[in-house]
Each structure stands twice: as structure tokens, then as C-alpha cells.
N, C-alpha and C. Protein backbone atom coordinates (compact mmCIF):
# COMPACT_ATOMS: atom_id res chain seq x y z
N MET A 1 -9.92 -16.46 -30.23
CA MET A 1 -8.42 -17.12 -29.89
C MET A 1 -7.40 -15.41 -29.88
N ILE A 2 -7.68 -14.90 -31.03
CA ILE A 2 -6.97 -13.84 -30.92
C ILE A 2 -6.96 -12.59 -30.04
N ALA A 3 -8.57 -12.66 -29.77
CA ALA A 3 -8.97 -11.67 -28.64
C ALA A 3 -8.35 -11.98 -27.26
N ALA A 4 -8.36 -13.36 -27.08
CA ALA A 4 -7.87 -13.72 -25.83
C ALA A 4 -6.36 -13.42 -25.81
N LEU A 5 -5.42 -13.58 -26.71
CA LEU A 5 -4.38 -13.12 -26.57
C LEU A 5 -3.79 -11.81 -26.48
N ALA A 6 -4.86 -11.29 -27.33
CA ALA A 6 -4.46 -9.67 -27.02
C ALA A 6 -5.02 -9.27 -25.56
N THR A 7 -5.70 -9.57 -25.26
CA THR A 7 -6.22 -9.34 -23.77
C THR A 7 -5.22 -10.00 -23.06
N MET A 8 -4.83 -11.06 -23.07
CA MET A 8 -3.35 -11.49 -22.24
C MET A 8 -2.20 -10.46 -22.32
N LEU A 9 -1.81 -10.25 -23.82
CA LEU A 9 -0.78 -9.32 -23.67
C LEU A 9 -0.82 -7.94 -23.28
N THR A 10 -2.28 -7.91 -23.49
CA THR A 10 -2.44 -6.15 -22.70
C THR A 10 -2.49 -6.15 -20.95
N CYS A 11 -2.83 -7.24 -20.77
CA CYS A 11 -3.00 -7.29 -19.10
C CYS A 11 -1.49 -7.54 -18.49
N ARG A 12 -0.50 -8.33 -19.53
CA ARG A 12 0.95 -8.20 -19.23
C ARG A 12 1.72 -7.02 -19.14
N TRP A 13 1.12 -5.91 -20.13
CA TRP A 13 1.72 -4.70 -20.36
C TRP A 13 1.03 -4.00 -19.24
N SER A 14 -0.07 -4.01 -18.86
CA SER A 14 -0.77 -3.35 -17.83
C SER A 14 -0.23 -3.90 -16.52
N ALA A 15 0.44 -4.90 -16.17
CA ALA A 15 0.60 -5.20 -14.91
C ALA A 15 2.02 -4.78 -14.27
N ARG A 16 2.85 -4.53 -15.53
CA ARG A 16 4.22 -3.89 -15.41
C ARG A 16 4.15 -2.04 -15.35
N ARG A 17 2.77 -1.71 -15.28
CA ARG A 17 2.57 -0.56 -15.19
C ARG A 17 1.66 0.11 -14.05
N ILE A 18 0.98 -0.71 -13.62
CA ILE A 18 0.04 -0.49 -12.48
C ILE A 18 0.39 0.46 -11.40
N GLN A 19 1.44 -0.26 -10.81
CA GLN A 19 2.34 -0.03 -9.63
C GLN A 19 2.65 1.73 -9.80
N ARG A 20 3.21 1.96 -10.84
CA ARG A 20 3.57 3.31 -11.49
C ARG A 20 2.36 4.36 -11.63
N TYR A 21 1.50 3.75 -12.27
CA TYR A 21 0.30 4.61 -12.43
C TYR A 21 -0.33 5.21 -10.79
N LEU A 22 -0.20 4.02 -10.15
CA LEU A 22 -0.97 4.22 -8.66
C LEU A 22 0.00 5.04 -7.83
N ASP A 23 1.28 4.98 -8.20
CA ASP A 23 2.16 5.89 -7.30
C ASP A 23 2.38 7.44 -7.64
N SER A 24 2.00 7.60 -9.00
CA SER A 24 2.12 8.70 -9.64
C SER A 24 3.45 9.36 -9.24
N ASP A 25 4.48 8.59 -9.34
CA ASP A 25 6.33 8.95 -9.11
C ASP A 25 6.62 9.62 -10.25
N PRO A 26 7.19 10.71 -10.16
CA PRO A 26 7.43 11.77 -11.11
C PRO A 26 8.69 11.19 -11.88
N ALA A 27 9.61 10.32 -10.80
CA ALA A 27 10.72 9.71 -11.40
C ALA A 27 10.46 8.53 -12.48
N ALA A 28 9.39 8.10 -12.31
CA ALA A 28 8.79 6.96 -13.26
C ALA A 28 7.49 7.13 -13.88
N ALA A 29 6.95 8.39 -14.15
CA ALA A 29 5.87 8.77 -14.85
C ALA A 29 5.61 8.28 -15.98
N LEU A 30 4.26 7.85 -16.16
CA LEU A 30 3.84 7.09 -17.32
C LEU A 30 3.23 8.43 -18.19
N ASP A 31 3.71 8.66 -19.53
CA ASP A 31 3.05 9.34 -20.45
C ASP A 31 1.60 9.13 -20.64
N ARG A 32 1.13 10.34 -21.25
CA ARG A 32 -0.38 10.48 -21.19
C ARG A 32 -1.23 9.62 -21.84
N GLY A 33 -0.19 8.88 -23.01
CA GLY A 33 -1.21 7.73 -23.99
C GLY A 33 -0.91 6.83 -23.10
N ASP A 34 0.13 6.22 -22.44
CA ASP A 34 0.43 4.79 -21.48
C ASP A 34 -0.64 5.08 -20.43
N ILE A 35 -1.13 6.42 -19.84
CA ILE A 35 -1.94 6.60 -18.86
C ILE A 35 -3.57 5.95 -19.52
N MET A 36 -3.95 6.59 -20.61
CA MET A 36 -5.05 6.31 -21.15
C MET A 36 -5.30 5.11 -21.74
N ARG A 37 -4.58 4.30 -22.07
CA ARG A 37 -4.27 2.93 -22.53
C ARG A 37 -4.78 2.29 -21.05
N LEU A 38 -3.95 2.08 -19.87
CA LEU A 38 -4.11 1.46 -18.98
C LEU A 38 -5.50 1.62 -18.25
N GLU A 39 -5.95 3.04 -18.32
CA GLU A 39 -7.47 3.27 -17.43
C GLU A 39 -8.27 2.80 -18.33
N ALA A 40 -8.25 2.74 -19.86
CA ALA A 40 -9.00 1.89 -20.76
C ALA A 40 -9.03 0.54 -20.31
N HIS A 41 -7.87 -0.08 -20.24
CA HIS A 41 -7.74 -1.84 -19.98
C HIS A 41 -8.56 -2.10 -18.44
N LEU A 42 -7.99 -1.20 -17.73
CA LEU A 42 -8.92 -0.98 -16.08
C LEU A 42 -10.34 -1.01 -15.99
N ALA A 43 -10.63 -0.44 -17.17
CA ALA A 43 -12.12 0.15 -17.05
C ALA A 43 -13.05 -1.46 -17.66
N GLU A 44 -12.25 -2.28 -18.32
CA GLU A 44 -12.66 -3.53 -18.73
C GLU A 44 -12.07 -4.95 -18.25
N CYS A 45 -10.93 -4.96 -17.68
CA CYS A 45 -10.46 -6.01 -17.18
C CYS A 45 -10.80 -6.14 -15.60
N GLN A 46 -11.56 -7.05 -14.72
CA GLN A 46 -11.54 -7.41 -13.97
C GLN A 46 -10.55 -7.83 -13.14
N ARG A 47 -9.30 -8.66 -13.82
CA ARG A 47 -8.13 -9.12 -13.06
C ARG A 47 -7.40 -8.17 -12.89
N CYS A 48 -6.82 -7.15 -13.84
CA CYS A 48 -6.26 -6.03 -13.63
C CYS A 48 -6.86 -5.04 -12.47
N THR A 49 -8.05 -4.75 -12.53
CA THR A 49 -8.72 -4.11 -11.67
C THR A 49 -8.68 -4.54 -10.23
N THR A 50 -8.53 -6.05 -10.05
CA THR A 50 -8.33 -6.77 -8.56
C THR A 50 -7.04 -6.25 -8.18
N ALA A 51 -5.92 -6.58 -9.35
CA ALA A 51 -4.62 -6.12 -8.90
C ALA A 51 -4.60 -4.93 -8.16
N ALA A 52 -5.13 -3.61 -9.09
CA ALA A 52 -4.77 -2.36 -8.59
C ALA A 52 -5.35 -2.26 -7.31
N ALA A 53 -6.79 -2.58 -6.86
CA ALA A 53 -7.37 -2.77 -5.83
C ALA A 53 -6.24 -2.98 -4.58
N ASP A 54 -5.77 -4.35 -4.73
CA ASP A 54 -5.09 -4.97 -4.02
C ASP A 54 -3.81 -4.02 -3.62
N TYR A 55 -2.98 -3.45 -4.80
CA TYR A 55 -1.81 -2.57 -4.38
C TYR A 55 -2.66 -1.38 -3.57
N ARG A 56 -3.77 -1.06 -3.73
CA ARG A 56 -4.17 0.32 -2.94
C ARG A 56 -4.45 0.01 -1.56
N GLN A 57 -5.08 -1.82 -1.43
CA GLN A 57 -5.07 -1.62 -0.05
C GLN A 57 -3.84 -1.92 0.67
N ILE A 58 -2.76 -2.29 -0.28
CA ILE A 58 -1.45 -2.49 0.62
C ILE A 58 -0.97 -1.18 0.95
N ASP A 59 -0.84 -0.17 0.15
CA ASP A 59 -0.51 1.03 0.12
C ASP A 59 -1.26 1.67 1.60
N SER A 60 -2.29 1.44 1.57
CA SER A 60 -3.34 2.18 2.84
C SER A 60 -2.99 1.77 4.13
N ALA A 61 -2.60 0.21 4.11
CA ALA A 61 -2.08 -0.54 5.24
C ALA A 61 -1.01 -0.02 5.58
N LEU A 62 0.15 0.23 4.61
CA LEU A 62 1.44 0.72 4.84
C LEU A 62 1.34 1.89 5.40
N SER A 63 0.42 2.93 4.88
CA SER A 63 0.35 4.18 5.28
C SER A 63 -0.13 4.25 6.71
N ARG A 64 -1.08 3.31 7.07
CA ARG A 64 -1.46 3.74 8.21
C ARG A 64 -0.66 2.88 9.42
N TRP A 65 0.15 2.24 9.33
CA TRP A 65 1.24 1.53 9.80
C TRP A 65 2.24 2.40 10.11
N ALA A 66 2.64 2.91 9.25
CA ALA A 66 3.51 4.04 9.02
C ALA A 66 3.34 5.40 9.87
N ALA A 67 2.11 5.63 10.05
CA ALA A 67 1.58 6.66 10.78
C ALA A 67 1.37 6.33 12.52
N ARG A 68 1.39 4.91 12.87
CA ARG A 68 1.33 4.66 14.14
C ARG A 68 2.50 5.01 15.05
N ARG A 69 2.33 5.88 15.88
CA ARG A 69 3.58 6.24 16.74
C ARG A 69 3.67 5.41 18.05
N MET A 70 5.09 5.13 18.23
CA MET A 70 5.61 4.36 19.45
C MET A 70 5.26 5.06 20.88
N PRO A 71 5.01 4.70 21.90
CA PRO A 71 4.91 5.61 22.87
C PRO A 71 6.43 5.91 23.37
N ASP A 72 6.69 7.09 24.15
CA ASP A 72 7.66 7.64 24.48
C ASP A 72 8.32 6.74 25.29
N PRO A 73 9.67 6.32 25.06
CA PRO A 73 10.67 5.52 25.82
C PRO A 73 10.68 6.00 27.07
N GLN A 74 10.70 7.24 27.44
CA GLN A 74 10.88 7.72 28.91
C GLN A 74 9.26 7.56 29.81
N SER A 75 8.31 7.81 29.28
CA SER A 75 7.01 7.29 29.58
C SER A 75 6.81 5.58 29.76
N VAL A 76 7.39 4.96 29.02
CA VAL A 76 7.39 3.46 29.23
C VAL A 76 8.42 3.24 30.30
N THR A 77 9.46 3.62 30.61
CA THR A 77 10.52 3.39 31.64
C THR A 77 9.74 3.86 33.03
N HIS A 78 8.96 5.06 32.73
CA HIS A 78 8.55 5.48 34.14
C HIS A 78 7.20 4.37 34.73
N MET A 79 6.56 4.09 33.58
CA MET A 79 5.60 2.93 33.93
C MET A 79 6.32 1.86 34.57
N HIS A 80 7.26 1.56 33.88
CA HIS A 80 8.09 0.22 34.59
C HIS A 80 8.12 0.25 35.71
N GLU A 81 8.80 1.45 36.37
CA GLU A 81 9.20 1.80 37.71
C GLU A 81 7.98 1.60 38.68
N VAL A 82 6.72 2.55 37.96
CA VAL A 82 5.78 2.25 39.03
C VAL A 82 5.24 1.14 39.66
N LEU A 83 4.93 0.64 38.04
CA LEU A 83 4.40 -0.90 38.35
C LEU A 83 5.50 -1.79 39.29
N ASP A 84 6.65 -1.53 39.20
CA ASP A 84 7.71 -2.10 39.96
C ASP A 84 7.29 -1.91 41.48
N ARG A 85 7.06 -0.43 41.65
CA ARG A 85 6.93 -0.34 43.04
C ARG A 85 5.74 -0.68 43.37
N LEU A 86 4.69 -0.74 42.83
CA LEU A 86 3.28 -1.31 43.11
C LEU A 86 3.12 -2.53 43.55
N VAL A 87 4.08 -3.09 42.65
CA VAL A 87 4.48 -5.02 42.97
C VAL A 87 5.26 -5.10 44.56
N ARG A 88 6.25 -4.19 44.44
CA ARG A 88 6.86 -4.05 45.82
C ARG A 88 6.03 -3.49 47.21
N ASP A 89 4.96 -3.13 46.81
CA ASP A 89 4.15 -2.36 47.82
C ASP A 89 4.55 -1.35 48.50
N GLU A 90 5.34 -0.49 47.89
CA GLU A 90 6.15 0.51 47.96
C GLU A 90 4.87 2.17 47.90
N LEU A 91 3.73 1.79 47.10
CA LEU A 91 2.91 2.71 46.68
C LEU A 91 1.63 2.69 47.75
N PRO A 92 1.21 3.88 47.98
CA PRO A 92 -0.20 3.36 48.67
C PRO A 92 -1.30 3.21 47.70
């Protein structure tokens, strides 16, 4: 019973720090002791390890999404014009 309570409290403590740990944001840096404690917990706790993996997947998906480039607006306009002319049968 006490071990379960200790794990629950450690999970709660860890959950509030996982994102900061993964981001490595200097403005919200964890001290070395917190990093070691969190890493030890992640090595033992499947629930928190899963949460960290979920955060990593979200970060990866957002990075890929942000890297996508939209087509040049002038190119899009040009294609619309070409298609309009094709529809009107003005191009060979």
C-alpha cells in the first residue's frame, strides 16, 4: 500500500516535469537532481514512459507540420489562370 502511494506521488511529481525535461528549455530548466530523479522514474514506470513517448510523438508531428511549405501564391494564381484557359478551350 505504501509503495503504491509512493509511486503515485512520484508519478504526479514526474508528470509535472516531463514536458520541461523533453523540451530542455533553458528558461524552465530542471536541476541535475530533478533530471536524475525523473530519469530513474521513467526507467521504472511504464505509465510515465508512455506519457513521455506521447509528448515526443506530438512534438515530432508538430515539427513536421511546421516544416511543410505552402505553395507560392503566384504559382497557384498562375495555375488557376492556365486551368481557366484550358476549360474555355483557349489553349492548344
